[in-house]
Amino acid sequence: MIEELNNKNFKSFTSGGLKLVEFYARWCGFCQKQKPILEELTNIIVGTVDIDENPNIAAEYKISGYPTFILFKNGKEAARFSGLHSKYDLINRTMDFIS
């Protein structure tokens, strides 16, 4: 399940455990291609942030390209990567931080 994040729920979503957050724009072609791949990640908790509706969150994390992914572990940024990624690449990048 993908949770749409905003100013009200972003901090509580990322505060505990391991969470993958995609910063995206609806007008971004790569972001549109990424969405069905994210929907396949049923074993990873995924949140998305629409940067047009939540520019302050994007600014706080200095997001400049789309899609950009930040992997949060217990509320702290553990990894960051940009661009279109396969399901297996996203799983592998996440597995590196499971302890």
C-alpha atoms as a PDB file:
ATOM      1  CA  MET A   1       0.000   0.000   0.000  1.00  0.00           C
ATOM      2  CA  ILE A   2       1.225   3.471  -0.866  1.00  0.00           C
ATOM      3  CA  GLU A   3       0.412   6.320   1.478  1.00  0.00           C
ATOM      4  CA  GLU A   4       0.156   9.837   0.076  1.00  0.00           C
ATOM      5  CA  LEU A   5       2.086  12.107   2.412  1.00  0.00           C
ATOM      6  CA  ASN A   6       1.579  15.782   3.187  1.00  0.00           C
ATOM      7  CA  ASN A   7       2.409  18.358   5.840  1.00  0.00           C
ATOM      8  CA  LYS A   8       0.094  16.702   8.342  1.00  0.00           C
ATOM      9  CA  ASN A   9       1.316  13.104   8.168  1.00  0.00           C
ATOM     10  CA  PHE A  10       4.905  13.216   6.834  1.00  0.00           C
ATOM     11  CA  LYS A  11       6.753  13.313  10.176  1.00  0.00           C
ATOM     12  CA  SER A  12       4.616  10.633  11.814  1.00  0.00           C
ATOM     13  CA  PHE A  13       4.955   8.364   8.757  1.00  0.00           C
ATOM     14  CA  THR A  14       8.747   8.629   8.642  1.00  0.00           C
ATOM     15  CA  SER A  15       9.372   8.642  12.403  1.00  0.00           C
ATOM     16  CA  GLY A  16       9.611   4.914  13.048  1.00  0.00           C
ATOM     17  CA  GLY A  17      10.890   1.864  11.230  1.00  0.00           C
ATOM     18  CA  LEU A  18      12.104   1.703   7.652  1.00  0.00           C
ATOM     19  CA  LYS A  19      10.096   3.733   5.113  1.00  0.00           C
ATOM     20  CA  LEU A  20      10.728   4.491   1.445  1.00  0.00           C
ATOM     21  CA  VAL A  21       9.451   7.914   0.362  1.00  0.00           C
ATOM     22  CA  GLU A  22       9.157   8.990  -3.263  1.00  0.00           C
ATOM     23  CA  PHE A  23       9.106  12.697  -4.038  1.00  0.00           C
ATOM     24  CA  TYR A  24       7.299  13.067  -7.353  1.00  0.00           C
ATOM     25  CA  ALA A  25       5.502  15.444  -9.647  1.00  0.00           C
ATOM     26  CA  ARG A  26       2.296  14.502 -11.477  1.00  0.00           C
ATOM     27  CA  TRP A  27       3.660  16.061 -14.664  1.00  0.00           C
ATOM     28  CA  CYS A  28       6.893  13.996 -14.532  1.00  0.00           C
ATOM     29  CA  GLY A  29       6.986  11.192 -17.121  1.00  0.00           C
ATOM     30  CA  PHE A  30       9.444   9.060 -15.140  1.00  0.00           C
ATOM     31  CA  CYS A  31       7.270   9.468 -12.042  1.00  0.00           C
ATOM     32  CA  GLN A  32       4.245   8.203 -13.985  1.00  0.00           C
ATOM     33  CA  LYS A  33       6.238   5.137 -15.069  1.00  0.00           C
ATOM     34  CA  GLN A  34       7.436   4.599 -11.492  1.00  0.00           C
ATOM     35  CA  LYS A  35       3.960   4.476  -9.897  1.00  0.00           C
ATOM     36  CA  PRO A  36       2.945   0.958 -11.072  1.00  0.00           C
ATOM     37  CA  ILE A  37       6.333  -0.346  -9.932  1.00  0.00           C
ATOM     38  CA  LEU A  38       5.794   1.131  -6.464  1.00  0.00           C
ATOM     39  CA  GLU A  39       2.372  -0.511  -6.295  1.00  0.00           C
ATOM     40  CA  GLU A  40       4.105  -3.907  -6.663  1.00  0.00           C
ATOM     41  CA  LEU A  41       6.187  -3.336  -3.515  1.00  0.00           C
ATOM     42  CA  THR A  42       3.740  -4.925  -1.104  1.00  0.00           C
ATOM     43  CA  ASN A  43       6.518  -5.898   1.324  1.00  0.00           C
ATOM     44  CA  ILE A  44       7.945  -2.372   1.672  1.00  0.00           C
ATOM     45  CA  ILE A  45       6.180   0.547   3.338  1.00  0.00           C
ATOM     46  CA  VAL A  46       6.038   3.306   0.726  1.00  0.00           C
ATOM     47  CA  GLY A  47       4.943   6.915   0.976  1.00  0.00           C
ATOM     48  CA  THR A  48       4.765   9.507  -1.771  1.00  0.00           C
ATOM     49  CA  VAL A  49       4.998  13.287  -1.661  1.00  0.00           C
ATOM     50  CA  ASP A  50       3.515  15.397  -4.455  1.00  0.00           C
ATOM     51  CA  ILE A  51       6.022  18.247  -4.594  1.00  0.00           C
ATOM     52  CA  ASP A  52       3.542  20.639  -6.214  1.00  0.00           C
ATOM     53  CA  GLU A  53       1.126  20.254  -3.303  1.00  0.00           C
ATOM     54  CA  ASN A  54       3.839  20.049  -0.608  1.00  0.00           C
ATOM     55  CA  PRO A  55       6.696  22.317  -1.723  1.00  0.00           C
ATOM     56  CA  ASN A  56       7.870  22.942   1.842  1.00  0.00           C
ATOM     57  CA  ILE A  57       8.627  19.233   2.414  1.00  0.00           C
ATOM     58  CA  ALA A  58      10.505  19.078  -0.895  1.00  0.00           C
ATOM     59  CA  ALA A  59      12.460  22.207   0.061  1.00  0.00           C
ATOM     60  CA  GLU A  60      13.300  20.831   3.506  1.00  0.00           C
ATOM     61  CA  TYR A  61      14.886  17.767   1.899  1.00  0.00           C
ATOM     62  CA  LYS A  62      16.439  19.751  -0.976  1.00  0.00           C
ATOM     63  CA  ILE A  63      14.649  17.784  -3.698  1.00  0.00           C
ATOM     64  CA  SER A  64      15.602  19.015  -7.160  1.00  0.00           C
ATOM     65  CA  GLY A  65      14.960  16.071  -9.523  1.00  0.00           C
ATOM     66  CA  TYR A  66      12.044  13.696  -9.904  1.00  0.00           C
ATOM     67  CA  PRO A  67      11.475  11.072  -8.875  1.00  0.00           C
ATOM     68  CA  THR A  68      13.761  11.232  -5.859  1.00  0.00           C
ATOM     69  CA  PHE A  69      13.628   8.545  -3.202  1.00  0.00           C
ATOM     70  CA  ILE A  70      14.673   8.908   0.403  1.00  0.00           C
ATOM     71  CA  LEU A  71      14.848   5.866   2.621  1.00  0.00           C
ATOM     72  CA  PHE A  72      14.099   6.818   6.217  1.00  0.00           C
ATOM     73  CA  LYS A  73      15.161   4.655   9.134  1.00  0.00           C
ATOM     74  CA  ASN A  74      13.646   5.664  12.473  1.00  0.00           C
ATOM     75  CA  GLY A  75      13.025   9.195  11.238  1.00  0.00           C
ATOM     76  CA  LYS A  76      16.491   9.810   9.792  1.00  0.00           C
ATOM     77  CA  GLU A  77      17.597   9.796   6.169  1.00  0.00           C
ATOM     78  CA  ALA A  78      19.483   6.546   5.532  1.00  0.00           C
ATOM     79  CA  ALA A  79      19.807   6.696   1.737  1.00  0.00           C
ATOM     80  CA  ARG A  80      18.866   8.840  -1.235  1.00  0.00           C
ATOM     81  CA  PHE A  81      18.629   8.027  -4.922  1.00  0.00           C
ATOM     82  CA  SER A  82      16.980   9.566  -7.960  1.00  0.00           C
ATOM     83  CA  GLY A  83      15.505   8.440 -11.250  1.00  0.00           C
ATOM     84  CA  LEU A  84      13.356   5.581 -12.464  1.00  0.00           C
ATOM     85  CA  HIS A  85      14.106   2.288 -10.666  1.00  0.00           C
ATOM     86  CA  SER A  86      12.957  -1.281 -11.153  1.00  0.00           C
ATOM     87  CA  LYS A  87      11.063  -3.141  -8.462  1.00  0.00           C
ATOM     88  CA  TYR A  88      14.134  -5.294  -7.761  1.00  0.00           C
ATOM     89  CA  ASP A  89      16.449  -2.305  -7.482  1.00  0.00           C
ATOM     90  CA  LEU A  90      14.137  -0.654  -4.939  1.00  0.00           C
ATOM     91  CA  ILE A  91      13.931  -3.895  -2.944  1.00  0.00           C
ATOM     92  CA  ASN A  92      17.715  -4.360  -3.007  1.00  0.00           C
ATOM     93  CA  ARG A  93      18.381  -0.787  -1.902  1.00  0.00           C
ATOM     94  CA  THR A  94      15.912  -1.214   0.957  1.00  0.00           C
ATOM     95  CA  MET A  95      17.299  -4.606   2.029  1.00  0.00           C
ATOM     96  CA  ASP A  96      20.688  -3.011   2.731  1.00  0.00           C
ATOM     97  CA  PHE A  97      19.095  -1.205   5.718  1.00  0.00           C
ATOM     98  CA  ILE A  98      17.066  -4.005   7.272  1.00  0.00           C
ATOM     99  CA  SER A  99      18.592  -5.049  10.563  1.00  0.00           C
END
